[in-house]
Amino acid sequence: QILFCHSRISELETIAEKERQEQE
């Protein structure tokens, strides 16, 4: 579960970065 959470965080950060770039 720890590994899953780390993976999920990375995924969400990637999505957030993509959304930030799209917004910019």
PDBML (XML) file of the C-alpha atoms, coordinates in Angstrom:
<?xml version="1.0" encoding="UTF-8" ?>
<PDBx:datablock datablockName="MODEL"
   xmlns:PDBx="http://pdbml.pdb.org/schema/pdbx-v50.xsd"
   xmlns:xsi="http://www.w3.org/2001/XMLSchema-instance"
   xsi:schemaLocation="http://pdbml.pdb.org/schema/pdbx-v50.xsd pdbx-v50.xsd">
   <PDBx:atom_siteCategory>
      <PDBx:atom_site id="1">
         <PDBx:B_iso_or_equiv>0.00</PDBx:B_iso_or_equiv>
         <PDBx:Cartn_x>0.000</PDBx:Cartn_x>
         <PDBx:Cartn_y>0.000</PDBx:Cartn_y>
         <PDBx:Cartn_z>0.000</PDBx:Cartn_z>
         <PDBx:auth_asym_id>A</PDBx:auth_asym_id>
         <PDBx:auth_atom_id>CA</PDBx:auth_atom_id>
         <PDBx:auth_comp_id>GLN</PDBx:auth_comp_id>
         <PDBx:auth_seq_id>1</PDBx:auth_seq_id>
         <PDBx:group_PDB>ATOM</PDBx:group_PDB>
         <PDBx:label_alt_id xsi:nil="true" />
         <PDBx:label_asym_id>A</PDBx:label_asym_id>
         <PDBx:label_atom_id>CA</PDBx:label_atom_id>
         <PDBx:label_comp_id>GLN</PDBx:label_comp_id>
         <PDBx:label_entity_id>1</PDBx:label_entity_id>
         <PDBx:label_seq_id>1</PDBx:label_seq_id>
         <PDBx:occupancy>1.00</PDBx:occupancy>
         <PDBx:pdbx_PDB_model_num>1</PDBx:pdbx_PDB_model_num>
         <PDBx:type_symbol>C</PDBx:type_symbol>
      </PDBx:atom_site>
      <PDBx:atom_site id="2">
         <PDBx:B_iso_or_equiv>0.00</PDBx:B_iso_or_equiv>
         <PDBx:Cartn_x>2.909</PDBx:Cartn_x>
         <PDBx:Cartn_y>2.350</PDBx:Cartn_y>
         <PDBx:Cartn_z>0.696</PDBx:Cartn_z>
         <PDBx:auth_asym_id>A</PDBx:auth_asym_id>
         <PDBx:auth_atom_id>CA</PDBx:auth_atom_id>
         <PDBx:auth_comp_id>ILE</PDBx:auth_comp_id>
         <PDBx:auth_seq_id>2</PDBx:auth_seq_id>
         <PDBx:group_PDB>ATOM</PDBx:group_PDB>
         <PDBx:label_alt_id xsi:nil="true" />
         <PDBx:label_asym_id>A</PDBx:label_asym_id>
         <PDBx:label_atom_id>CA</PDBx:label_atom_id>
         <PDBx:label_comp_id>ILE</PDBx:label_comp_id>
         <PDBx:label_entity_id>1</PDBx:label_entity_id>
         <PDBx:label_seq_id>2</PDBx:label_seq_id>
         <PDBx:occupancy>1.00</PDBx:occupancy>
         <PDBx:pdbx_PDB_model_num>1</PDBx:pdbx_PDB_model_num>
         <PDBx:type_symbol>C</PDBx:type_symbol>
      </PDBx:atom_site>
      <PDBx:atom_site id="3">
         <PDBx:B_iso_or_equiv>0.00</PDBx:B_iso_or_equiv>
         <PDBx:Cartn_x>4.252</PDBx:Cartn_x>
         <PDBx:Cartn_y>1.687</PDBx:Cartn_y>
         <PDBx:Cartn_z>-2.811</PDBx:Cartn_z>
         <PDBx:auth_asym_id>A</PDBx:auth_asym_id>
         <PDBx:auth_atom_id>CA</PDBx:auth_atom_id>
         <PDBx:auth_comp_id>LEU</PDBx:auth_comp_id>
         <PDBx:auth_seq_id>3</PDBx:auth_seq_id>
         <PDBx:group_PDB>ATOM</PDBx:group_PDB>
         <PDBx:label_alt_id xsi:nil="true" />
         <PDBx:label_asym_id>A</PDBx:label_asym_id>
         <PDBx:label_atom_id>CA</PDBx:label_atom_id>
         <PDBx:label_comp_id>LEU</PDBx:label_comp_id>
         <PDBx:label_entity_id>1</PDBx:label_entity_id>
         <PDBx:label_seq_id>3</PDBx:label_seq_id>
         <PDBx:occupancy>1.00</PDBx:occupancy>
         <PDBx:pdbx_PDB_model_num>1</PDBx:pdbx_PDB_model_num>
         <PDBx:type_symbol>C</PDBx:type_symbol>
      </PDBx:atom_site>
      <PDBx:atom_site id="4">
         <PDBx:B_iso_or_equiv>0.00</PDBx:B_iso_or_equiv>
         <PDBx:Cartn_x>0.757</PDBx:Cartn_x>
         <PDBx:Cartn_y>2.189</PDBx:Cartn_y>
         <PDBx:Cartn_z>-4.255</PDBx:Cartn_z>
         <PDBx:auth_asym_id>A</PDBx:auth_asym_id>
         <PDBx:auth_atom_id>CA</PDBx:auth_atom_id>
         <PDBx:auth_comp_id>PHE</PDBx:auth_comp_id>
         <PDBx:auth_seq_id>4</PDBx:auth_seq_id>
         <PDBx:group_PDB>ATOM</PDBx:group_PDB>
         <PDBx:label_alt_id xsi:nil="true" />
         <PDBx:label_asym_id>A</PDBx:label_asym_id>
         <PDBx:label_atom_id>CA</PDBx:label_atom_id>
         <PDBx:label_comp_id>PHE</PDBx:label_comp_id>
         <PDBx:label_entity_id>1</PDBx:label_entity_id>
         <PDBx:label_seq_id>4</PDBx:label_seq_id>
         <PDBx:occupancy>1.00</PDBx:occupancy>
         <PDBx:pdbx_PDB_model_num>1</PDBx:pdbx_PDB_model_num>
         <PDBx:type_symbol>C</PDBx:type_symbol>
      </PDBx:atom_site>
      <PDBx:atom_site id="5">
         <PDBx:B_iso_or_equiv>0.00</PDBx:B_iso_or_equiv>
         <PDBx:Cartn_x>0.381</PDBx:Cartn_x>
         <PDBx:Cartn_y>5.544</PDBx:Cartn_y>
         <PDBx:Cartn_z>-2.462</PDBx:Cartn_z>
         <PDBx:auth_asym_id>A</PDBx:auth_asym_id>
         <PDBx:auth_atom_id>CA</PDBx:auth_atom_id>
         <PDBx:auth_comp_id>CYS</PDBx:auth_comp_id>
         <PDBx:auth_seq_id>5</PDBx:auth_seq_id>
         <PDBx:group_PDB>ATOM</PDBx:group_PDB>
         <PDBx:label_alt_id xsi:nil="true" />
         <PDBx:label_asym_id>A</PDBx:label_asym_id>
         <PDBx:label_atom_id>CA</PDBx:label_atom_id>
         <PDBx:label_comp_id>CYS</PDBx:label_comp_id>
         <PDBx:label_entity_id>1</PDBx:label_entity_id>
         <PDBx:label_seq_id>5</PDBx:label_seq_id>
         <PDBx:occupancy>1.00</PDBx:occupancy>
         <PDBx:pdbx_PDB_model_num>1</PDBx:pdbx_PDB_model_num>
         <PDBx:type_symbol>C</PDBx:type_symbol>
      </PDBx:atom_site>
      <PDBx:atom_site id="6">
         <PDBx:B_iso_or_equiv>0.00</PDBx:B_iso_or_equiv>
         <PDBx:Cartn_x>3.776</PDBx:Cartn_x>
         <PDBx:Cartn_y>6.739</PDBx:Cartn_y>
         <PDBx:Cartn_z>-3.715</PDBx:Cartn_z>
         <PDBx:auth_asym_id>A</PDBx:auth_asym_id>
         <PDBx:auth_atom_id>CA</PDBx:auth_atom_id>
         <PDBx:auth_comp_id>HIS</PDBx:auth_comp_id>
         <PDBx:auth_seq_id>6</PDBx:auth_seq_id>
         <PDBx:group_PDB>ATOM</PDBx:group_PDB>
         <PDBx:label_alt_id xsi:nil="true" />
         <PDBx:label_asym_id>A</PDBx:label_asym_id>
         <PDBx:label_atom_id>CA</PDBx:label_atom_id>
         <PDBx:label_comp_id>HIS</PDBx:label_comp_id>
         <PDBx:label_entity_id>1</PDBx:label_entity_id>
         <PDBx:label_seq_id>6</PDBx:label_seq_id>
         <PDBx:occupancy>1.00</PDBx:occupancy>
         <PDBx:pdbx_PDB_model_num>1</PDBx:pdbx_PDB_model_num>
         <PDBx:type_symbol>C</PDBx:type_symbol>
      </PDBx:atom_site>
      <PDBx:atom_site id="7">
         <PDBx:B_iso_or_equiv>0.00</PDBx:B_iso_or_equiv>
         <PDBx:Cartn_x>2.807</PDBx:Cartn_x>
         <PDBx:Cartn_y>5.713</PDBx:Cartn_y>
         <PDBx:Cartn_z>-7.244</PDBx:Cartn_z>
         <PDBx:auth_asym_id>A</PDBx:auth_asym_id>
         <PDBx:auth_atom_id>CA</PDBx:auth_atom_id>
         <PDBx:auth_comp_id>SER</PDBx:auth_comp_id>
         <PDBx:auth_seq_id>7</PDBx:auth_seq_id>
         <PDBx:group_PDB>ATOM</PDBx:group_PDB>
         <PDBx:label_alt_id xsi:nil="true" />
         <PDBx:label_asym_id>A</PDBx:label_asym_id>
         <PDBx:label_atom_id>CA</PDBx:label_atom_id>
         <PDBx:label_comp_id>SER</PDBx:label_comp_id>
         <PDBx:label_entity_id>1</PDBx:label_entity_id>
         <PDBx:label_seq_id>7</PDBx:label_seq_id>
         <PDBx:occupancy>1.00</PDBx:occupancy>
         <PDBx:pdbx_PDB_model_num>1</PDBx:pdbx_PDB_model_num>
         <PDBx:type_symbol>C</PDBx:type_symbol>
      </PDBx:atom_site>
      <PDBx:atom_site id="8">
         <PDBx:B_iso_or_equiv>0.00</PDBx:B_iso_or_equiv>
         <PDBx:Cartn_x>-0.548</PDBx:Cartn_x>
         <PDBx:Cartn_y>7.449</PDBx:Cartn_y>
         <PDBx:Cartn_z>-6.915</PDBx:Cartn_z>
         <PDBx:auth_asym_id>A</PDBx:auth_asym_id>
         <PDBx:auth_atom_id>CA</PDBx:auth_atom_id>
         <PDBx:auth_comp_id>ARG</PDBx:auth_comp_id>
         <PDBx:auth_seq_id>8</PDBx:auth_seq_id>
         <PDBx:group_PDB>ATOM</PDBx:group_PDB>
         <PDBx:label_alt_id xsi:nil="true" />
         <PDBx:label_asym_id>A</PDBx:label_asym_id>
         <PDBx:label_atom_id>CA</PDBx:label_atom_id>
         <PDBx:label_comp_id>ARG</PDBx:label_comp_id>
         <PDBx:label_entity_id>1</PDBx:label_entity_id>
         <PDBx:label_seq_id>8</PDBx:label_seq_id>
         <PDBx:occupancy>1.00</PDBx:occupancy>
         <PDBx:pdbx_PDB_model_num>1</PDBx:pdbx_PDB_model_num>
         <PDBx:type_symbol>C</PDBx:type_symbol>
      </PDBx:atom_site>
      <PDBx:atom_site id="9">
         <PDBx:B_iso_or_equiv>0.00</PDBx:B_iso_or_equiv>
         <PDBx:Cartn_x>1.144</PDBx:Cartn_x>
         <PDBx:Cartn_y>10.630</PDBx:Cartn_y>
         <PDBx:Cartn_z>-5.654</PDBx:Cartn_z>
         <PDBx:auth_asym_id>A</PDBx:auth_asym_id>
         <PDBx:auth_atom_id>CA</PDBx:auth_atom_id>
         <PDBx:auth_comp_id>ILE</PDBx:auth_comp_id>
         <PDBx:auth_seq_id>9</PDBx:auth_seq_id>
         <PDBx:group_PDB>ATOM</PDBx:group_PDB>
         <PDBx:label_alt_id xsi:nil="true" />
         <PDBx:label_asym_id>A</PDBx:label_asym_id>
         <PDBx:label_atom_id>CA</PDBx:label_atom_id>
         <PDBx:label_comp_id>ILE</PDBx:label_comp_id>
         <PDBx:label_entity_id>1</PDBx:label_entity_id>
         <PDBx:label_seq_id>9</PDBx:label_seq_id>
         <PDBx:occupancy>1.00</PDBx:occupancy>
         <PDBx:pdbx_PDB_model_num>1</PDBx:pdbx_PDB_model_num>
         <PDBx:type_symbol>C</PDBx:type_symbol>
      </PDBx:atom_site>
      <PDBx:atom_site id="10">
         <PDBx:B_iso_or_equiv>0.00</PDBx:B_iso_or_equiv>
         <PDBx:Cartn_x>3.494</PDBx:Cartn_x>
         <PDBx:Cartn_y>10.605</PDBx:Cartn_y>
         <PDBx:Cartn_z>-8.659</PDBx:Cartn_z>
         <PDBx:auth_asym_id>A</PDBx:auth_asym_id>
         <PDBx:auth_atom_id>CA</PDBx:auth_atom_id>
         <PDBx:auth_comp_id>SER</PDBx:auth_comp_id>
         <PDBx:auth_seq_id>10</PDBx:auth_seq_id>
         <PDBx:group_PDB>ATOM</PDBx:group_PDB>
         <PDBx:label_alt_id xsi:nil="true" />
         <PDBx:label_asym_id>A</PDBx:label_asym_id>
         <PDBx:label_atom_id>CA</PDBx:label_atom_id>
         <PDBx:label_comp_id>SER</PDBx:label_comp_id>
         <PDBx:label_entity_id>1</PDBx:label_entity_id>
         <PDBx:label_seq_id>10</PDBx:label_seq_id>
         <PDBx:occupancy>1.00</PDBx:occupancy>
         <PDBx:pdbx_PDB_model_num>1</PDBx:pdbx_PDB_model_num>
         <PDBx:type_symbol>C</PDBx:type_symbol>
      </PDBx:atom_site>
      <PDBx:atom_site id="11">
         <PDBx:B_iso_or_equiv>0.00</PDBx:B_iso_or_equiv>
         <PDBx:Cartn_x>0.511</PDBx:Cartn_x>
         <PDBx:Cartn_y>10.142</PDBx:Cartn_y>
         <PDBx:Cartn_z>-10.963</PDBx:Cartn_z>
         <PDBx:auth_asym_id>A</PDBx:auth_asym_id>
         <PDBx:auth_atom_id>CA</PDBx:auth_atom_id>
         <PDBx:auth_comp_id>GLU</PDBx:auth_comp_id>
         <PDBx:auth_seq_id>11</PDBx:auth_seq_id>
         <PDBx:group_PDB>ATOM</PDBx:group_PDB>
         <PDBx:label_alt_id xsi:nil="true" />
         <PDBx:label_asym_id>A</PDBx:label_asym_id>
         <PDBx:label_atom_id>CA</PDBx:label_atom_id>
         <PDBx:label_comp_id>GLU</PDBx:label_comp_id>
         <PDBx:label_entity_id>1</PDBx:label_entity_id>
         <PDBx:label_seq_id>11</PDBx:label_seq_id>
         <PDBx:occupancy>1.00</PDBx:occupancy>
         <PDBx:pdbx_PDB_model_num>1</PDBx:pdbx_PDB_model_num>
         <PDBx:type_symbol>C</PDBx:type_symbol>
      </PDBx:atom_site>
      <PDBx:atom_site id="12">
         <PDBx:B_iso_or_equiv>0.00</PDBx:B_iso_or_equiv>
         <PDBx:Cartn_x>-1.404</PDBx:Cartn_x>
         <PDBx:Cartn_y>13.007</PDBx:Cartn_y>
         <PDBx:Cartn_z>-9.365</PDBx:Cartn_z>
         <PDBx:auth_asym_id>A</PDBx:auth_asym_id>
         <PDBx:auth_atom_id>CA</PDBx:auth_atom_id>
         <PDBx:auth_comp_id>LEU</PDBx:auth_comp_id>
         <PDBx:auth_seq_id>12</PDBx:auth_seq_id>
         <PDBx:group_PDB>ATOM</PDBx:group_PDB>
         <PDBx:label_alt_id xsi:nil="true" />
         <PDBx:label_asym_id>A</PDBx:label_asym_id>
         <PDBx:label_atom_id>CA</PDBx:label_atom_id>
         <PDBx:label_comp_id>LEU</PDBx:label_comp_id>
         <PDBx:label_entity_id>1</PDBx:label_entity_id>
         <PDBx:label_seq_id>12</PDBx:label_seq_id>
         <PDBx:occupancy>1.00</PDBx:occupancy>
         <PDBx:pdbx_PDB_model_num>1</PDBx:pdbx_PDB_model_num>
         <PDBx:type_symbol>C</PDBx:type_symbol>
      </PDBx:atom_site>
      <PDBx:atom_site id="13">
         <PDBx:B_iso_or_equiv>0.00</PDBx:B_iso_or_equiv>
         <PDBx:Cartn_x>1.667</PDBx:Cartn_x>
         <PDBx:Cartn_y>15.266</PDBx:Cartn_y>
         <PDBx:Cartn_z>-9.490</PDBx:Cartn_z>
         <PDBx:auth_asym_id>A</PDBx:auth_asym_id>
         <PDBx:auth_atom_id>CA</PDBx:auth_atom_id>
         <PDBx:auth_comp_id>GLU</PDBx:auth_comp_id>
         <PDBx:auth_seq_id>13</PDBx:auth_seq_id>
         <PDBx:group_PDB>ATOM</PDBx:group_PDB>
         <PDBx:label_alt_id xsi:nil="true" />
         <PDBx:label_asym_id>A</PDBx:label_asym_id>
         <PDBx:label_atom_id>CA</PDBx:label_atom_id>
         <PDBx:label_comp_id>GLU</PDBx:label_comp_id>
         <PDBx:label_entity_id>1</PDBx:label_entity_id>
         <PDBx:label_seq_id>13</PDBx:label_seq_id>
         <PDBx:occupancy>1.00</PDBx:occupancy>
         <PDBx:pdbx_PDB_model_num>1</PDBx:pdbx_PDB_model_num>
         <PDBx:type_symbol>C</PDBx:type_symbol>
      </PDBx:atom_site>
      <PDBx:atom_site id="14">
         <PDBx:B_iso_or_equiv>0.00</PDBx:B_iso_or_equiv>
         <PDBx:Cartn_x>2.054</PDBx:Cartn_x>
         <PDBx:Cartn_y>14.475</PDBx:Cartn_y>
         <PDBx:Cartn_z>-13.195</PDBx:Cartn_z>
         <PDBx:auth_asym_id>A</PDBx:auth_asym_id>
         <PDBx:auth_atom_id>CA</PDBx:auth_atom_id>
         <PDBx:auth_comp_id>THR</PDBx:auth_comp_id>
         <PDBx:auth_seq_id>14</PDBx:auth_seq_id>
         <PDBx:group_PDB>ATOM</PDBx:group_PDB>
         <PDBx:label_alt_id xsi:nil="true" />
         <PDBx:label_asym_id>A</PDBx:label_asym_id>
         <PDBx:label_atom_id>CA</PDBx:label_atom_id>
         <PDBx:label_comp_id>THR</PDBx:label_comp_id>
         <PDBx:label_entity_id>1</PDBx:label_entity_id>
         <PDBx:label_seq_id>14</PDBx:label_seq_id>
         <PDBx:occupancy>1.00</PDBx:occupancy>
         <PDBx:pdbx_PDB_model_num>1</PDBx:pdbx_PDB_model_num>
         <PDBx:type_symbol>C</PDBx:type_symbol>
      </PDBx:atom_site>
      <PDBx:atom_site id="15">
         <PDBx:B_iso_or_equiv>0.00</PDBx:B_iso_or_equiv>
         <PDBx:Cartn_x>-1.616</PDBx:Cartn_x>
         <PDBx:Cartn_y>15.296</PDBx:Cartn_y>
         <PDBx:Cartn_z>-13.789</PDBx:Cartn_z>
         <PDBx:auth_asym_id>A</PDBx:auth_asym_id>
         <PDBx:auth_atom_id>CA</PDBx:auth_atom_id>
         <PDBx:auth_comp_id>ILE</PDBx:auth_comp_id>
         <PDBx:auth_seq_id>15</PDBx:auth_seq_id>
         <PDBx:group_PDB>ATOM</PDBx:group_PDB>
         <PDBx:label_alt_id xsi:nil="true" />
         <PDBx:label_asym_id>A</PDBx:label_asym_id>
         <PDBx:label_atom_id>CA</PDBx:label_atom_id>
         <PDBx:label_comp_id>ILE</PDBx:label_comp_id>
         <PDBx:label_entity_id>1</PDBx:label_entity_id>
         <PDBx:label_seq_id>15</PDBx:label_seq_id>
         <PDBx:occupancy>1.00</PDBx:occupancy>
         <PDBx:pdbx_PDB_model_num>1</PDBx:pdbx_PDB_model_num>
         <PDBx:type_symbol>C</PDBx:type_symbol>
      </PDBx:atom_site>
      <PDBx:atom_site id="16">
         <PDBx:B_iso_or_equiv>0.00</PDBx:B_iso_or_equiv>
         <PDBx:Cartn_x>-1.291</PDBx:Cartn_x>
         <PDBx:Cartn_y>18.503</PDBx:Cartn_y>
         <PDBx:Cartn_z>-11.747</PDBx:Cartn_z>
         <PDBx:auth_asym_id>A</PDBx:auth_asym_id>
         <PDBx:auth_atom_id>CA</PDBx:auth_atom_id>
         <PDBx:auth_comp_id>ALA</PDBx:auth_comp_id>
         <PDBx:auth_seq_id>16</PDBx:auth_seq_id>
         <PDBx:group_PDB>ATOM</PDBx:group_PDB>
         <PDBx:label_alt_id xsi:nil="true" />
         <PDBx:label_asym_id>A</PDBx:label_asym_id>
         <PDBx:label_atom_id>CA</PDBx:label_atom_id>
         <PDBx:label_comp_id>ALA</PDBx:label_comp_id>
         <PDBx:label_entity_id>1</PDBx:label_entity_id>
         <PDBx:label_seq_id>16</PDBx:label_seq_id>
         <PDBx:occupancy>1.00</PDBx:occupancy>
         <PDBx:pdbx_PDB_model_num>1</PDBx:pdbx_PDB_model_num>
         <PDBx:type_symbol>C</PDBx:type_symbol>
      </PDBx:atom_site>
      <PDBx:atom_site id="17">
         <PDBx:B_iso_or_equiv>0.00</PDBx:B_iso_or_equiv>
         <PDBx:Cartn_x>1.815</PDBx:Cartn_x>
         <PDBx:Cartn_y>19.534</PDBx:Cartn_y>
         <PDBx:Cartn_z>-13.689</PDBx:Cartn_z>
         <PDBx:auth_asym_id>A</PDBx:auth_asym_id>
         <PDBx:auth_atom_id>CA</PDBx:auth_atom_id>
         <PDBx:auth_comp_id>GLU</PDBx:auth_comp_id>
         <PDBx:auth_seq_id>17</PDBx:auth_seq_id>
         <PDBx:group_PDB>ATOM</PDBx:group_PDB>
         <PDBx:label_alt_id xsi:nil="true" />
         <PDBx:label_asym_id>A</PDBx:label_asym_id>
         <PDBx:label_atom_id>CA</PDBx:label_atom_id>
         <PDBx:label_comp_id>GLU</PDBx:label_comp_id>
         <PDBx:label_entity_id>1</PDBx:label_entity_id>
         <PDBx:label_seq_id>17</PDBx:label_seq_id>
         <PDBx:occupancy>1.00</PDBx:occupancy>
         <PDBx:pdbx_PDB_model_num>1</PDBx:pdbx_PDB_model_num>
         <PDBx:type_symbol>C</PDBx:type_symbol>
      </PDBx:atom_site>
      <PDBx:atom_site id="18">
         <PDBx:B_iso_or_equiv>0.00</PDBx:B_iso_or_equiv>
         <PDBx:Cartn_x>0.064</PDBx:Cartn_x>
         <PDBx:Cartn_y>18.848</PDBx:Cartn_y>
         <PDBx:Cartn_z>-16.984</PDBx:Cartn_z>
         <PDBx:auth_asym_id>A</PDBx:auth_asym_id>
         <PDBx:auth_atom_id>CA</PDBx:auth_atom_id>
         <PDBx:auth_comp_id>LYS</PDBx:auth_comp_id>
         <PDBx:auth_seq_id>18</PDBx:auth_seq_id>
         <PDBx:group_PDB>ATOM</PDBx:group_PDB>
         <PDBx:label_alt_id xsi:nil="true" />
         <PDBx:label_asym_id>A</PDBx:label_asym_id>
         <PDBx:label_atom_id>CA</PDBx:label_atom_id>
         <PDBx:label_comp_id>LYS</PDBx:label_comp_id>
         <PDBx:label_entity_id>1</PDBx:label_entity_id>
         <PDBx:label_seq_id>18</PDBx:label_seq_id>
         <PDBx:occupancy>1.00</PDBx:occupancy>
         <PDBx:pdbx_PDB_model_num>1</PDBx:pdbx_PDB_model_num>
         <PDBx:type_symbol>C</PDBx:type_symbol>
      </PDBx:atom_site>
      <PDBx:atom_site id="19">
         <PDBx:B_iso_or_equiv>0.00</PDBx:B_iso_or_equiv>
         <PDBx:Cartn_x>-2.959</PDBx:Cartn_x>
         <PDBx:Cartn_y>20.874</PDBx:Cartn_y>
         <PDBx:Cartn_z>-15.882</PDBx:Cartn_z>
         <PDBx:auth_asym_id>A</PDBx:auth_asym_id>
         <PDBx:auth_atom_id>CA</PDBx:auth_atom_id>
         <PDBx:auth_comp_id>GLU</PDBx:auth_comp_id>
         <PDBx:auth_seq_id>19</PDBx:auth_seq_id>
         <PDBx:group_PDB>ATOM</PDBx:group_PDB>
         <PDBx:label_alt_id xsi:nil="true" />
         <PDBx:label_asym_id>A</PDBx:label_asym_id>
         <PDBx:label_atom_id>CA</PDBx:label_atom_id>
         <PDBx:label_comp_id>GLU</PDBx:label_comp_id>
         <PDBx:label_entity_id>1</PDBx:label_entity_id>
         <PDBx:label_seq_id>19</PDBx:label_seq_id>
         <PDBx:occupancy>1.00</PDBx:occupancy>
         <PDBx:pdbx_PDB_model_num>1</PDBx:pdbx_PDB_model_num>
         <PDBx:type_symbol>C</PDBx:type_symbol>
      </PDBx:atom_site>
      <PDBx:atom_site id="20">
         <PDBx:B_iso_or_equiv>0.00</PDBx:B_iso_or_equiv>
         <PDBx:Cartn_x>-0.648</PDBx:Cartn_x>
         <PDBx:Cartn_y>23.685</PDBx:Cartn_y>
         <PDBx:Cartn_z>-14.757</PDBx:Cartn_z>
         <PDBx:auth_asym_id>A</PDBx:auth_asym_id>
         <PDBx:auth_atom_id>CA</PDBx:auth_atom_id>
         <PDBx:auth_comp_id>ARG</PDBx:auth_comp_id>
         <PDBx:auth_seq_id>20</PDBx:auth_seq_id>
         <PDBx:group_PDB>ATOM</PDBx:group_PDB>
         <PDBx:label_alt_id xsi:nil="true" />
         <PDBx:label_asym_id>A</PDBx:label_asym_id>
         <PDBx:label_atom_id>CA</PDBx:label_atom_id>
         <PDBx:label_comp_id>ARG</PDBx:label_comp_id>
         <PDBx:label_entity_id>1</PDBx:label_entity_id>
         <PDBx:label_seq_id>20</PDBx:label_seq_id>
         <PDBx:occupancy>1.00</PDBx:occupancy>
         <PDBx:pdbx_PDB_model_num>1</PDBx:pdbx_PDB_model_num>
         <PDBx:type_symbol>C</PDBx:type_symbol>
      </PDBx:atom_site>
      <PDBx:atom_site id="21">
         <PDBx:B_iso_or_equiv>0.00</PDBx:B_iso_or_equiv>
         <PDBx:Cartn_x>1.100</PDBx:Cartn_x>
         <PDBx:Cartn_y>23.715</PDBx:Cartn_y>
         <PDBx:Cartn_z>-18.128</PDBx:Cartn_z>
         <PDBx:auth_asym_id>A</PDBx:auth_asym_id>
         <PDBx:auth_atom_id>CA</PDBx:auth_atom_id>
         <PDBx:auth_comp_id>GLN</PDBx:auth_comp_id>
         <PDBx:auth_seq_id>21</PDBx:auth_seq_id>
         <PDBx:group_PDB>ATOM</PDBx:group_PDB>
         <PDBx:label_alt_id xsi:nil="true" />
         <PDBx:label_asym_id>A</PDBx:label_asym_id>
         <PDBx:label_atom_id>CA</PDBx:label_atom_id>
         <PDBx:label_comp_id>GLN</PDBx:label_comp_id>
         <PDBx:label_entity_id>1</PDBx:label_entity_id>
         <PDBx:label_seq_id>21</PDBx:label_seq_id>
         <PDBx:occupancy>1.00</PDBx:occupancy>
         <PDBx:pdbx_PDB_model_num>1</PDBx:pdbx_PDB_model_num>
         <PDBx:type_symbol>C</PDBx:type_symbol>
      </PDBx:atom_site>
      <PDBx:atom_site id="22">
         <PDBx:B_iso_or_equiv>0.00</PDBx:B_iso_or_equiv>
         <PDBx:Cartn_x>-2.235</PDBx:Cartn_x>
         <PDBx:Cartn_y>23.642</PDBx:Cartn_y>
         <PDBx:Cartn_z>-19.958</PDBx:Cartn_z>
         <PDBx:auth_asym_id>A</PDBx:auth_asym_id>
         <PDBx:auth_atom_id>CA</PDBx:auth_atom_id>
         <PDBx:auth_comp_id>GLU</PDBx:auth_comp_id>
         <PDBx:auth_seq_id>22</PDBx:auth_seq_id>
         <PDBx:group_PDB>ATOM</PDBx:group_PDB>
         <PDBx:label_alt_id xsi:nil="true" />
         <PDBx:label_asym_id>A</PDBx:label_asym_id>
         <PDBx:label_atom_id>CA</PDBx:label_atom_id>
         <PDBx:label_comp_id>GLU</PDBx:label_comp_id>
         <PDBx:label_entity_id>1</PDBx:label_entity_id>
         <PDBx:label_seq_id>22</PDBx:label_seq_id>
         <PDBx:occupancy>1.00</PDBx:occupancy>
         <PDBx:pdbx_PDB_model_num>1</PDBx:pdbx_PDB_model_num>
         <PDBx:type_symbol>C</PDBx:type_symbol>
      </PDBx:atom_site>
      <PDBx:atom_site id="23">
         <PDBx:B_iso_or_equiv>0.00</PDBx:B_iso_or_equiv>
         <PDBx:Cartn_x>-3.475</PDBx:Cartn_x>
         <PDBx:Cartn_y>26.532</PDBx:Cartn_y>
         <PDBx:Cartn_z>-17.824</PDBx:Cartn_z>
         <PDBx:auth_asym_id>A</PDBx:auth_asym_id>
         <PDBx:auth_atom_id>CA</PDBx:auth_atom_id>
         <PDBx:auth_comp_id>GLN</PDBx:auth_comp_id>
         <PDBx:auth_seq_id>23</PDBx:auth_seq_id>
         <PDBx:group_PDB>ATOM</PDBx:group_PDB>
         <PDBx:label_alt_id xsi:nil="true" />
         <PDBx:label_asym_id>A</PDBx:label_asym_id>
         <PDBx:label_atom_id>CA</PDBx:label_atom_id>
         <PDBx:label_comp_id>GLN</PDBx:label_comp_id>
         <PDBx:label_entity_id>1</PDBx:label_entity_id>
         <PDBx:label_seq_id>23</PDBx:label_seq_id>
         <PDBx:occupancy>1.00</PDBx:occupancy>
         <PDBx:pdbx_PDB_model_num>1</PDBx:pdbx_PDB_model_num>
         <PDBx:type_symbol>C</PDBx:type_symbol>
      </PDBx:atom_site>
      <PDBx:atom_site id="24">
         <PDBx:B_iso_or_equiv>0.00</PDBx:B_iso_or_equiv>
         <PDBx:Cartn_x>-0.299</PDBx:Cartn_x>
         <PDBx:Cartn_y>28.492</PDBx:Cartn_y>
         <PDBx:Cartn_z>-18.498</PDBx:Cartn_z>
         <PDBx:auth_asym_id>A</PDBx:auth_asym_id>
         <PDBx:auth_atom_id>CA</PDBx:auth_atom_id>
         <PDBx:auth_comp_id>GLU</PDBx:auth_comp_id>
         <PDBx:auth_seq_id>24</PDBx:auth_seq_id>
         <PDBx:group_PDB>ATOM</PDBx:group_PDB>
         <PDBx:label_alt_id xsi:nil="true" />
         <PDBx:label_asym_id>A</PDBx:label_asym_id>
         <PDBx:label_atom_id>CA</PDBx:label_atom_id>
         <PDBx:label_comp_id>GLU</PDBx:label_comp_id>
         <PDBx:label_entity_id>1</PDBx:label_entity_id>
         <PDBx:label_seq_id>24</PDBx:label_seq_id>
         <PDBx:occupancy>1.00</PDBx:occupancy>
         <PDBx:pdbx_PDB_model_num>1</PDBx:pdbx_PDB_model_num>
         <PDBx:type_symbol>C</PDBx:type_symbol>
      </PDBx:atom_site>
   </PDBx:atom_siteCategory>
</PDBx:datablock>
